Amino acid sequence: MAKQPVRVHIFNQIYTVLVDGDSSGTQAAQVQAIAQELDELMTMIAARAGSGDSARVAVLAALHMGDKLKAAESRLETAQCKIRQLEEQPGKIARMLDQLLES
């Protein structure tokens, strides 16, 4: 699949990012949304920290987004565990019914 350039604006800088090209533009839209969220986060961090040091702001933003990712992964793992438990229940119920009918 051909790569499509997408221009994004993050913390007063413009970057060109290559994404997989698709007719719907979904990948490009996702990259632009992530870039906008990152720009807003970095702007907020810079205002609160009183620092315009872009490297420091970028590291703090990366730590924040990494924390959000870990929390999302944890929630996903919990949900997957619950789904596995629910998937096992019909089999358990069927075995219990079989045992009751055999008695």
PDB file of N, CA and C in Angstrom:
ATOM      1  N   MET A   1       0.850  -1.170   0.000  1.00  0.00           N
ATOM      2  CA  MET A   1       0.000   0.000   0.000  1.00  0.00           C
ATOM      3  C   MET A   1       0.900   1.239   0.000  1.00  0.00           C
ATOM      4  N   ALA A   2       0.548   2.215  -0.787  1.00  0.00           N
ATOM      5  CA  ALA A   2       1.332   3.439  -0.906  1.00  0.00           C
ATOM      6  C   ALA A   2       1.215   4.279   0.358  1.00  0.00           C
ATOM      7  N   LYS A   3       2.306   4.949   0.683  1.00  0.00           N
ATOM      8  CA  LYS A   3       2.319   5.841   1.841  1.00  0.00           C
ATOM      9  C   LYS A   3       1.788   7.208   1.433  1.00  0.00           C
ATOM     10  N   GLN A   4       1.072   7.816   2.356  1.00  0.00           N
ATOM     11  CA  GLN A   4       0.466   9.125   2.121  1.00  0.00           C
ATOM     12  C   GLN A   4       1.046  10.101   3.140  1.00  0.00           C
ATOM     13  N   PRO A   5       1.566  11.253   2.702  1.00  0.00           N
ATOM     14  CA  PRO A   5       2.087  12.225   3.660  1.00  0.00           C
ATOM     15  C   PRO A   5       0.939  12.990   4.341  1.00  0.00           C
ATOM     16  N   VAL A   6       1.090  13.175   5.645  1.00  0.00           N
ATOM     17  CA  VAL A   6       0.111  13.931   6.425  1.00  0.00           C
ATOM     18  C   VAL A   6       0.888  14.985   7.209  1.00  0.00           C
ATOM     19  N   ARG A   7       0.478  16.228   7.075  1.00  0.00           N
ATOM     20  CA  ARG A   7       1.128  17.324   7.805  1.00  0.00           C
ATOM     21  C   ARG A   7       0.390  17.544   9.118  1.00  0.00           C
ATOM     22  N   VAL A   8       1.169  17.591  10.201  1.00  0.00           N
ATOM     23  CA  VAL A   8       0.582  17.819  11.519  1.00  0.00           C
ATOM     24  C   VAL A   8       1.328  18.961  12.206  1.00  0.00           C
ATOM     25  N   HIS A   9       0.642  19.615  13.108  1.00  0.00           N
ATOM     26  CA  HIS A   9       1.189  20.747  13.856  1.00  0.00           C
ATOM     27  C   HIS A   9       1.235  20.349  15.320  1.00  0.00           C
ATOM     28  N   ILE A  10       2.465  20.264  15.872  1.00  0.00           N
ATOM     29  CA  ILE A  10       2.643  19.877  17.272  1.00  0.00           C
ATOM     30  C   ILE A  10       3.593  20.862  17.943  1.00  0.00           C
ATOM     31  N   PHE A  11       3.099  21.546  18.939  1.00  0.00           N
ATOM     32  CA  PHE A  11       3.899  22.451  19.770  1.00  0.00           C
ATOM     33  C   PHE A  11       4.720  23.429  18.924  1.00  0.00           C
ATOM     34  N   ASN A  12       4.001  24.139  18.071  1.00  0.00           N
ATOM     35  CA  ASN A  12       4.568  25.190  17.221  1.00  0.00           C
ATOM     36  C   ASN A  12       5.555  24.675  16.176  1.00  0.00           C
ATOM     37  N   GLN A  13       5.461  23.403  15.846  1.00  0.00           N
ATOM     38  CA  GLN A  13       6.297  22.821  14.799  1.00  0.00           C
ATOM     39  C   GLN A  13       5.396  22.068  13.828  1.00  0.00           C
ATOM     40  N   ILE A  14       5.793  22.040  12.567  1.00  0.00           N
ATOM     41  CA  ILE A  14       5.044  21.291  11.567  1.00  0.00           C
ATOM     42  C   ILE A  14       5.870  20.066  11.188  1.00  0.00           C
ATOM     43  N   TYR A  15       5.207  18.909  11.183  1.00  0.00           N
ATOM     44  CA  TYR A  15       5.852  17.645  10.844  1.00  0.00           C
ATOM     45  C   TYR A  15       5.066  16.987   9.720  1.00  0.00           C
ATOM     46  N   THR A  16       5.773  16.261   8.865  1.00  0.00           N
ATOM     47  CA  THR A  16       5.133  15.448   7.841  1.00  0.00           C
ATOM     48  C   THR A  16       5.328  13.996   8.245  1.00  0.00           C
ATOM     49  N   VAL A  17       4.220  13.287   8.368  1.00  0.00           N
ATOM     50  CA  VAL A  17       4.227  11.891   8.785  1.00  0.00           C
ATOM     51  C   VAL A  17       3.668  11.062   7.641  1.00  0.00           C
ATOM     52  N   LEU A  18       4.314   9.937   7.336  1.00  0.00           N
ATOM     53  CA  LEU A  18       3.816   9.046   6.304  1.00  0.00           C
ATOM     54  C   LEU A  18       2.914   7.990   6.929  1.00  0.00           C
ATOM     55  N   VAL A  19       1.737   7.838   6.360  1.00  0.00           N
ATOM     56  CA  VAL A  19       0.781   6.829   6.839  1.00  0.00           C
ATOM     57  C   VAL A  19       0.370   5.958   5.663  1.00  0.00           C
ATOM     58  N   ASP A  20      -0.145   4.768   5.986  1.00  0.00           N
ATOM     59  CA  ASP A  20      -0.675   3.911   4.937  1.00  0.00           C
ATOM     60  C   ASP A  20      -1.832   4.622   4.267  1.00  0.00           C
ATOM     61  N   GLY A  21      -1.786   4.735   2.967  1.00  0.00           N
ATOM     62  CA  GLY A  21      -2.849   5.407   2.236  1.00  0.00           C
ATOM     63  C   GLY A  21      -4.068   4.518   2.101  1.00  0.00           C
ATOM     64  N   ASP A  22      -5.224   5.054   2.371  1.00  0.00           N
ATOM     65  CA  ASP A  22      -6.476   4.341   2.141  1.00  0.00           C
ATOM     66  C   ASP A  22      -7.485   5.337   1.588  1.00  0.00           C
ATOM     67  N   SER A  23      -8.447   4.820   0.870  1.00  0.00           N
ATOM     68  CA  SER A  23      -9.397   5.708   0.193  1.00  0.00           C
ATOM     69  C   SER A  23     -10.260   6.498   1.167  1.00  0.00           C
ATOM     70  N   SER A  24     -10.452   5.963   2.373  1.00  0.00           N
ATOM     71  CA  SER A  24     -11.318   6.658   3.332  1.00  0.00           C
ATOM     72  C   SER A  24     -10.575   7.736   4.112  1.00  0.00           C
ATOM     73  N   GLY A  25      -9.258   7.685   4.120  1.00  0.00           N
ATOM     74  CA  GLY A  25      -8.483   8.669   4.873  1.00  0.00           C
ATOM     75  C   GLY A  25      -8.484   8.424   6.371  1.00  0.00           C
ATOM     76  N   THR A  26      -8.843   7.212   6.782  1.00  0.00           N
ATOM     77  CA  THR A  26      -8.944   6.887   8.208  1.00  0.00           C
ATOM     78  C   THR A  26      -7.606   7.031   8.915  1.00  0.00           C
ATOM     79  N   GLN A  27      -6.557   6.489   8.316  1.00  0.00           N
ATOM     80  CA  GLN A  27      -5.225   6.562   8.934  1.00  0.00           C
ATOM     81  C   GLN A  27      -4.787   8.017   9.098  1.00  0.00           C
ATOM     82  N   ALA A  28      -4.979   8.813   8.079  1.00  0.00           N
ATOM     83  CA  ALA A  28      -4.594  10.228   8.132  1.00  0.00           C
ATOM     84  C   ALA A  28      -5.375  10.952   9.219  1.00  0.00           C
ATOM     85  N   ALA A  29      -6.657  10.673   9.311  1.00  0.00           N
ATOM     86  CA  ALA A  29      -7.495  11.318  10.329  1.00  0.00           C
ATOM     87  C   ALA A  29      -7.046  10.912  11.731  1.00  0.00           C
ATOM     88  N   GLN A  30      -6.678   9.648  11.905  1.00  0.00           N
ATOM     89  CA  GLN A  30      -6.209   9.195  13.220  1.00  0.00           C
ATOM     90  C   GLN A  30      -4.913   9.893  13.606  1.00  0.00           C
ATOM     91  N   VAL A  31      -3.989  10.000  12.672  1.00  0.00           N
ATOM     92  CA  VAL A  31      -2.715  10.665  12.954  1.00  0.00           C
ATOM     93  C   VAL A  31      -2.959  12.128  13.292  1.00  0.00           C
ATOM     94  N   GLN A  32      -3.842  12.781  12.564  1.00  0.00           N
ATOM     95  CA  GLN A  32      -4.135  14.188  12.842  1.00  0.00           C
ATOM     96  C   GLN A  32      -4.789  14.352  14.214  1.00  0.00           C
ATOM     97  N   ALA A  33      -5.662  13.441  14.587  1.00  0.00           N
ATOM     98  CA  ALA A  33      -6.314  13.518  15.904  1.00  0.00           C
ATOM     99  C   ALA A  33      -5.301  13.308  17.023  1.00  0.00           C
ATOM    100  N   ILE A  34      -4.396  12.352  16.847  1.00  0.00           N
ATOM    101  CA  ILE A  34      -3.359  12.103  17.853  1.00  0.00           C
ATOM    102  C   ILE A  34      -2.447  13.316  17.967  1.00  0.00           C
ATOM    103  N   ALA A  35      -2.072  13.877  16.828  1.00  0.00           N
ATOM    104  CA  ALA A  35      -1.205  15.055  16.835  1.00  0.00           C
ATOM    105  C   ALA A  35      -1.874  16.227  17.544  1.00  0.00           C
ATOM    106  N   GLN A  36      -3.174  16.413  17.310  1.00  0.00           N
ATOM    107  CA  GLN A  36      -3.896  17.496  17.970  1.00  0.00           C
ATOM    108  C   GLN A  36      -3.927  17.276  19.484  1.00  0.00           C
ATOM    109  N   GLU A  37      -4.192  16.029  19.896  1.00  0.00           N
ATOM    110  CA  GLU A  37      -4.208  15.726  21.334  1.00  0.00           C
ATOM    111  C   GLU A  37      -2.830  15.975  21.949  1.00  0.00           C
ATOM    112  N   LEU A  38      -1.785  15.568  21.250  1.00  0.00           N
ATOM    113  CA  LEU A  38      -0.423  15.778  21.744  1.00  0.00           C
ATOM    114  C   LEU A  38      -0.086  17.263  21.818  1.00  0.00           C
ATOM    115  N   ASP A  39      -0.481  18.021  20.811  1.00  0.00           N
ATOM    116  CA  ASP A  39      -0.245  19.464  20.805  1.00  0.00           C
ATOM    117  C   ASP A  39      -0.922  20.124  22.008  1.00  0.00           C
ATOM    118  N   GLU A  40      -2.178  19.758  22.251  1.00  0.00           N
ATOM    119  CA  GLU A  40      -2.910  20.336  23.385  1.00  0.00           C
ATOM    120  C   GLU A  40      -2.260  19.947  24.713  1.00  0.00           C
ATOM    121  N   LEU A  41      -1.835  18.695  24.821  1.00  0.00           N
ATOM    122  CA  LEU A  41      -1.190  18.231  26.041  1.00  0.00           C
ATOM    123  C   LEU A  41       0.122  18.967  26.285  1.00  0.00           C
ATOM    124  N   MET A  42       0.934  19.101  25.243  1.00  0.00           N
ATOM    125  CA  MET A  42       2.219  19.786  25.393  1.00  0.00           C
ATOM    126  C   MET A  42       2.020  21.263  25.738  1.00  0.00           C
ATOM    127  N   THR A  43       1.031  21.887  25.141  1.00  0.00           N
ATOM    128  CA  THR A  43       0.742  23.287  25.434  1.00  0.00           C
ATOM    129  C   THR A  43       0.318  23.449  26.894  1.00  0.00           C
ATOM    130  N   MET A  44      -0.521  22.525  27.379  1.00  0.00           N
ATOM    131  CA  MET A  44      -0.966  22.563  28.773  1.00  0.00           C
ATOM    132  C   MET A  44       0.214  22.338  29.731  1.00  0.00           C
ATOM    133  N   ILE A  45       1.070  21.374  29.412  1.00  0.00           N
ATOM    134  CA  ILE A  45       2.227  21.087  30.270  1.00  0.00           C
ATOM    135  C   ILE A  45       3.152  22.288  30.320  1.00  0.00           C
ATOM    136  N   ALA A  46       3.403  22.896  29.171  1.00  0.00           N
ATOM    137  CA  ALA A  46       4.294  24.059  29.127  1.00  0.00           C
ATOM    138  C   ALA A  46       3.732  25.210  29.952  1.00  0.00           C
ATOM    139  N   ALA A  47       2.413  25.403  29.898  1.00  0.00           N
ATOM    140  CA  ALA A  47       1.788  26.498  30.652  1.00  0.00           C
ATOM    141  C   ALA A  47       1.871  26.222  32.155  1.00  0.00           C
ATOM    142  N   ARG A  48       1.643  24.976  32.547  1.00  0.00           N
ATOM    143  CA  ARG A  48       1.676  24.642  33.975  1.00  0.00           C
ATOM    144  C   ARG A  48       3.091  24.618  34.532  1.00  0.00           C
ATOM    145  N   ALA A  49       4.026  24.128  33.727  1.00  0.00           N
ATOM    146  CA  ALA A  49       5.405  24.000  34.202  1.00  0.00           C
ATOM    147  C   ALA A  49       6.152  25.322  34.095  1.00  0.00           C
ATOM    148  N   GLY A  50       5.593  26.243  33.328  1.00  0.00           N
ATOM    149  CA  GLY A  50       6.258  27.525  33.146  1.00  0.00           C
ATOM    150  C   GLY A  50       7.539  27.381  32.349  1.00  0.00           C
ATOM    151  N   SER A  51       7.627  26.306  31.578  1.00  0.00           N
ATOM    152  CA  SER A  51       8.838  26.031  30.811  1.00  0.00           C
ATOM    153  C   SER A  51       8.510  25.949  29.338  1.00  0.00           C
ATOM    154  N   GLY A  52       9.312  26.594  28.537  1.00  0.00           N
ATOM    155  CA  GLY A  52       9.157  26.512  27.096  1.00  0.00           C
ATOM    156  C   GLY A  52      10.134  25.528  26.489  1.00  0.00           C
ATOM    157  N   ASP A  53      10.899  24.819  27.357  1.00  0.00           N
ATOM    158  CA  ASP A  53      11.872  23.838  26.881  1.00  0.00           C
ATOM    159  C   ASP A  53      11.123  22.678  26.223  1.00  0.00           C
ATOM    160  N   SER A  54      11.185  22.625  24.898  1.00  0.00           N
ATOM    161  CA  SER A  54      10.383  21.645  24.163  1.00  0.00           C
ATOM    162  C   SER A  54      10.785  20.206  24.478  1.00  0.00           C
ATOM    163  N   ALA A  55      12.051  19.954  24.743  1.00  0.00           N
ATOM    164  CA  ALA A  55      12.478  18.586  25.062  1.00  0.00           C
ATOM    165  C   ALA A  55      11.863  18.131  26.387  1.00  0.00           C
ATOM    166  N   ARG A  56      11.908  18.998  27.382  1.00  0.00           N
ATOM    167  CA  ARG A  56      11.324  18.663  28.688  1.00  0.00           C
ATOM    168  C   ARG A  56       9.814  18.467  28.567  1.00  0.00           C
ATOM    169  N   VAL A  57       9.158  19.344  27.840  1.00  0.00           N
ATOM    170  CA  VAL A  57       7.714  19.248  27.650  1.00  0.00           C
ATOM    171  C   VAL A  57       7.380  17.958  26.900  1.00  0.00           C
ATOM    172  N   ALA A  58       8.177  17.604  25.891  1.00  0.00           N
ATOM    173  CA  ALA A  58       7.933  16.381  25.120  1.00  0.00           C
ATOM    174  C   ALA A  58       8.095  15.138  25.985  1.00  0.00           C
ATOM    175  N   VAL A  59       9.101  15.125  26.857  1.00  0.00           N
ATOM    176  CA  VAL A  59       9.306  13.974  27.744  1.00  0.00           C
ATOM    177  C   VAL A  59       8.133  13.836  28.710  1.00  0.00           C
ATOM    178  N   LEU A  60       7.702  14.937  29.297  1.00  0.00           N
ATOM    179  CA  LEU A  60       6.560  14.890  30.216  1.00  0.00           C
ATOM    180  C   LEU A  60       5.289  14.438  29.490  1.00  0.00           C
ATOM    181  N   ALA A  61       5.103  14.894  28.261  1.00  0.00           N
ATOM    182  CA  ALA A  61       3.940  14.475  27.479  1.00  0.00           C
ATOM    183  C   ALA A  61       4.029  12.984  27.146  1.00  0.00           C
ATOM    184  N   ALA A  62       5.220  12.515  26.817  1.00  0.00           N
ATOM    185  CA  ALA A  62       5.398  11.092  26.517  1.00  0.00           C
ATOM    186  C   ALA A  62       5.094  10.240  27.747  1.00  0.00           C
ATOM    187  N   LEU A  63       5.545  10.687  28.902  1.00  0.00           N
ATOM    188  CA  LEU A  63       5.251   9.958  30.142  1.00  0.00           C
ATOM    189  C   LEU A  63       3.750   9.925  30.411  1.00  0.00           C
ATOM    190  N   HIS A  64       3.089  11.048  30.205  1.00  0.00           N
ATOM    191  CA  HIS A  64       1.639  11.119  30.415  1.00  0.00           C
ATOM    192  C   HIS A  64       0.899  10.175  29.467  1.00  0.00           C
ATOM    193  N   MET A  65       1.261  10.218  28.188  1.00  0.00           N
ATOM    194  CA  MET A  65       0.580   9.366  27.211  1.00  0.00           C
ATOM    195  C   MET A  65       0.922   7.890  27.442  1.00  0.00           C
ATOM    196  N   GLY A  66       2.148   7.611  27.878  1.00  0.00           N
ATOM    197  CA  GLY A  66       2.515   6.237  28.221  1.00  0.00           C
ATOM    198  C   GLY A  66       1.692   5.719  29.385  1.00  0.00           C
ATOM    199  N   ASP A  67       1.453   6.574  30.369  1.00  0.00           N
ATOM    200  CA  ASP A  67       0.626   6.206  31.513  1.00  0.00           C
ATOM    201  C   ASP A  67      -0.801   5.906  31.069  1.00  0.00           C
ATOM    202  N   LYS A  68      -1.341   6.745  30.176  1.00  0.00           N
ATOM    203  CA  LYS A  68      -2.680   6.508  29.643  1.00  0.00           C
ATOM    204  C   LYS A  68      -2.738   5.185  28.876  1.00  0.00           C
ATOM    205  N   LEU A  69      -1.690   4.881  28.125  1.00  0.00           N
ATOM    206  CA  LEU A  69      -1.647   3.634  27.371  1.00  0.00           C
ATOM    207  C   LEU A  69      -1.630   2.433  28.309  1.00  0.00           C
ATOM    208  N   LYS A  70      -0.807   2.483  29.345  1.00  0.00           N
ATOM    209  CA  LYS A  70      -0.746   1.373  30.305  1.00  0.00           C
ATOM    210  C   LYS A  70      -2.086   1.171  30.998  1.00  0.00           C
ATOM    211  N   ALA A  71      -2.758   2.257  31.356  1.00  0.00           N
ATOM    212  CA  ALA A  71      -4.067   2.149  31.993  1.00  0.00           C
ATOM    213  C   ALA A  71      -5.077   1.518  31.031  1.00  0.00           C
ATOM    214  N   ALA A  72      -5.030   1.897  29.765  1.00  0.00           N
ATOM    215  CA  ALA A  72      -5.938   1.327  28.764  1.00  0.00           C
ATOM    216  C   ALA A  72      -5.640  -0.157  28.550  1.00  0.00           C
ATOM    217  N   GLU A  73      -4.360  -0.518  28.526  1.00  0.00           N
ATOM    218  CA  GLU A  73      -3.990  -1.924  28.381  1.00  0.00           C
ATOM    219  C   GLU A  73      -4.497  -2.740  29.561  1.00  0.00           C
ATOM    220  N   SER A  74      -4.408  -2.174  30.754  1.00  0.00           N
ATOM    221  CA  SER A  74      -4.883  -2.864  31.953  1.00  0.00           C
ATOM    222  C   SER A  74      -6.397  -3.071  31.885  1.00  0.00           C
ATOM    223  N   ARG A  75      -7.128  -2.037  31.469  1.00  0.00           N
ATOM    224  CA  ARG A  75      -8.584  -2.169  31.332  1.00  0.00           C
ATOM    225  C   ARG A  75      -8.942  -3.206  30.269  1.00  0.00           C
ATOM    226  N   LEU A  76      -8.187  -3.246  29.179  1.00  0.00           N
ATOM    227  CA  LEU A  76      -8.423  -4.219  28.120  1.00  0.00           C
ATOM    228  C   LEU A  76      -8.183  -5.633  28.632  1.00  0.00           C
ATOM    229  N   GLU A  77      -7.105  -5.821  29.373  1.00  0.00           N
ATOM    230  CA  GLU A  77      -6.797  -7.142  29.928  1.00  0.00           C
ATOM    231  C   GLU A  77      -7.904  -7.601  30.874  1.00  0.00           C
ATOM    232  N   THR A  78      -8.400  -6.700  31.702  1.00  0.00           N
ATOM    233  CA  THR A  78      -9.495  -7.029  32.620  1.00  0.00           C
ATOM    234  C   THR A  78     -10.748  -7.413  31.836  1.00  0.00           C
ATOM    235  N   ALA A  79     -11.060  -6.657  30.801  1.00  0.00           N
ATOM    236  CA  ALA A  79     -12.241  -6.955  29.983  1.00  0.00           C
ATOM    237  C   ALA A  79     -12.089  -8.297  29.284  1.00  0.00           C
ATOM    238  N   GLN A  80     -10.900  -8.583  28.763  1.00  0.00           N
ATOM    239  CA  GLN A  80     -10.675  -9.868  28.088  1.00  0.00           C
ATOM    240  C   GLN A  80     -10.819 -11.032  29.064  1.00  0.00           C
ATOM    241  N   CYS A  81     -10.358 -10.853  30.289  1.00  0.00           N
ATOM    242  CA  CYS A  81     -10.486 -11.882  31.315  1.00  0.00           C
ATOM    243  C   CYS A  81     -11.959 -12.136  31.617  1.00  0.00           C
ATOM    244  N   LYS A  82     -12.739 -11.074  31.749  1.00  0.00           N
ATOM    245  CA  LYS A  82     -14.177 -11.212  32.010  1.00  0.00           C
ATOM    246  C   LYS A  82     -14.881 -11.904  30.843  1.00  0.00           C
ATOM    247  N   ILE A  83     -14.481 -11.586  29.628  1.00  0.00           N
ATOM    248  CA  ILE A  83     -15.076 -12.225  28.450  1.00  0.00           C
ATOM    249  C   ILE A  83     -14.767 -13.721  28.458  1.00  0.00           C
ATOM    250  N   ARG A  84     -13.517 -14.090  28.766  1.00  0.00           N
ATOM    251  CA  ARG A  84     -13.163 -15.512  28.840  1.00  0.00           C
ATOM    252  C   ARG A  84     -14.003 -16.224  29.892  1.00  0.00           C
ATOM    253  N   GLN A  85     -14.212 -15.564  31.036  1.00  0.00           N
ATOM    254  CA  GLN A  85     -15.027 -16.169  32.092  1.00  0.00           C
ATOM    255  C   GLN A  85     -16.461 -16.371  31.619  1.00  0.00           C
ATOM    256  N   LEU A  86     -17.001 -15.378  30.919  1.00  0.00           N
ATOM    257  CA  LEU A  86     -18.366 -15.488  30.407  1.00  0.00           C
ATOM    258  C   LEU A  86     -18.474 -16.582  29.343  1.00  0.00           C
ATOM    259  N   GLU A  87     -17.422 -16.723  28.539  1.00  0.00           N
ATOM    260  CA  GLU A  87     -17.433 -17.755  27.499  1.00  0.00           C
ATOM    261  C   GLU A  87     -17.407 -19.153  28.105  1.00  0.00           C
ATOM    262  N   GLU A  88     -16.802 -19.300  29.293  1.00  0.00           N
ATOM    263  CA  GLU A  88     -16.713 -20.603  29.952  1.00  0.00           C
ATOM    264  C   GLU A  88     -18.025 -20.980  30.646  1.00  0.00           C
ATOM    265  N   GLN A  89     -18.861 -20.013  30.986  1.00  0.00           N
ATOM    266  CA  GLN A  89     -20.074 -20.278  31.751  1.00  0.00           C
ATOM    267  C   GLN A  89     -21.065 -21.206  31.059  1.00  0.00           C
ATOM    268  N   PRO A  90     -21.331 -21.064  29.764  1.00  0.00           N
ATOM    269  CA  PRO A  90     -22.288 -21.993  29.159  1.00  0.00           C
ATOM    270  C   PRO A  90     -21.858 -23.459  29.300  1.00  0.00           C
ATOM    271  N   GLY A  91     -20.580 -23.717  29.151  1.00  0.00           N
ATOM    272  CA  GLY A  91     -20.076 -25.084  29.310  1.00  0.00           C
ATOM    273  C   GLY A  91     -20.255 -25.583  30.728  1.00  0.00           C
ATOM    274  N   LYS A  92     -19.993 -24.724  31.699  1.00  0.00           N
ATOM    275  CA  LYS A  92     -20.173 -25.101  33.104  1.00  0.00           C
ATOM    276  C   LYS A  92     -21.642 -25.387  33.399  1.00  0.00           C
ATOM    277  N   ILE A  93     -22.511 -24.548  32.873  1.00  0.00           N
ATOM    278  CA  ILE A  93     -23.951 -24.723  33.105  1.00  0.00           C
ATOM    279  C   ILE A  93     -24.421 -26.022  32.451  1.00  0.00           C
ATOM    280  N   ALA A  94     -23.925 -26.312  31.254  1.00  0.00           N
ATOM    281  CA  ALA A  94     -24.321 -27.546  30.565  1.00  0.00           C
ATOM    282  C   ALA A  94     -23.867 -28.770  31.364  1.00  0.00           C
ATOM    283  N   ARG A  95     -22.652 -28.730  31.901  1.00  0.00           N
ATOM    284  CA  ARG A  95     -22.160 -29.852  32.716  1.00  0.00           C
ATOM    285  C   ARG A  95     -22.994 -30.015  33.977  1.00  0.00           C
ATOM    286  N   MET A  96     -23.377 -28.900  34.595  1.00  0.00           N
ATOM    287  CA  MET A  96     -24.204 -28.975  35.800  1.00  0.00           C
ATOM    288  C   MET A  96     -25.570 -29.571  35.482  1.00  0.00           C
ATOM    289  N   LEU A  97     -26.154 -29.167  34.351  1.00  0.00           N
ATOM    290  CA  LEU A  97     -27.447 -29.717  33.944  1.00  0.00           C
ATOM    291  C   LEU A  97     -27.336 -31.209  33.667  1.00  0.00           C
ATOM    292  N   ASP A  98     -26.256 -31.610  32.998  1.00  0.00           N
ATOM    293  CA  ASP A  98     -26.043 -33.035  32.725  1.00  0.00           C
ATOM    294  C   ASP A  98     -25.958 -33.820  34.034  1.00  0.00           C
ATOM    295  N   GLN A  99     -25.238 -33.269  35.014  1.00  0.00           N
ATOM    296  CA  GLN A  99     -25.095 -33.941  36.303  1.00  0.00           C
ATOM    297  C   GLN A  99     -26.448 -34.062  37.015  1.00  0.00           C
ATOM    298  N   LEU A 100     -27.230 -33.002  36.925  1.00  0.00           N
ATOM    299  CA  LEU A 100     -28.557 -33.023  37.555  1.00  0.00           C
ATOM    300  C   LEU A 100     -29.482 -34.041  36.888  1.00  0.00           C
ATOM    301  N   LEU A 101     -29.400 -34.107  35.574  1.00  0.00           N
ATOM    302  CA  LEU A 101     -30.255 -35.043  34.836  1.00  0.00           C
ATOM    303  C   LEU A 101     -29.835 -36.480  35.059  1.00  0.00           C
ATOM    304  N   GLU A 102     -28.547 -36.716  35.289  1.00  0.00           N
ATOM    305  CA  GLU A 102     -28.060 -38.069  35.536  1.00  0.00           C
ATOM    306  C   GLU A 102     -28.419 -38.554  36.945  1.00  0.00           C
ATOM    307  N   SER A 103     -28.666 -37.654  37.864  1.00  0.00           N
ATOM    308  CA  SER A 103     -28.955 -38.013  39.258  1.00  0.00           C
ATOM    309  C   SER A 103     -30.321 -38.605  39.433  1.00  0.00           C
TER     310      SER A 103
END
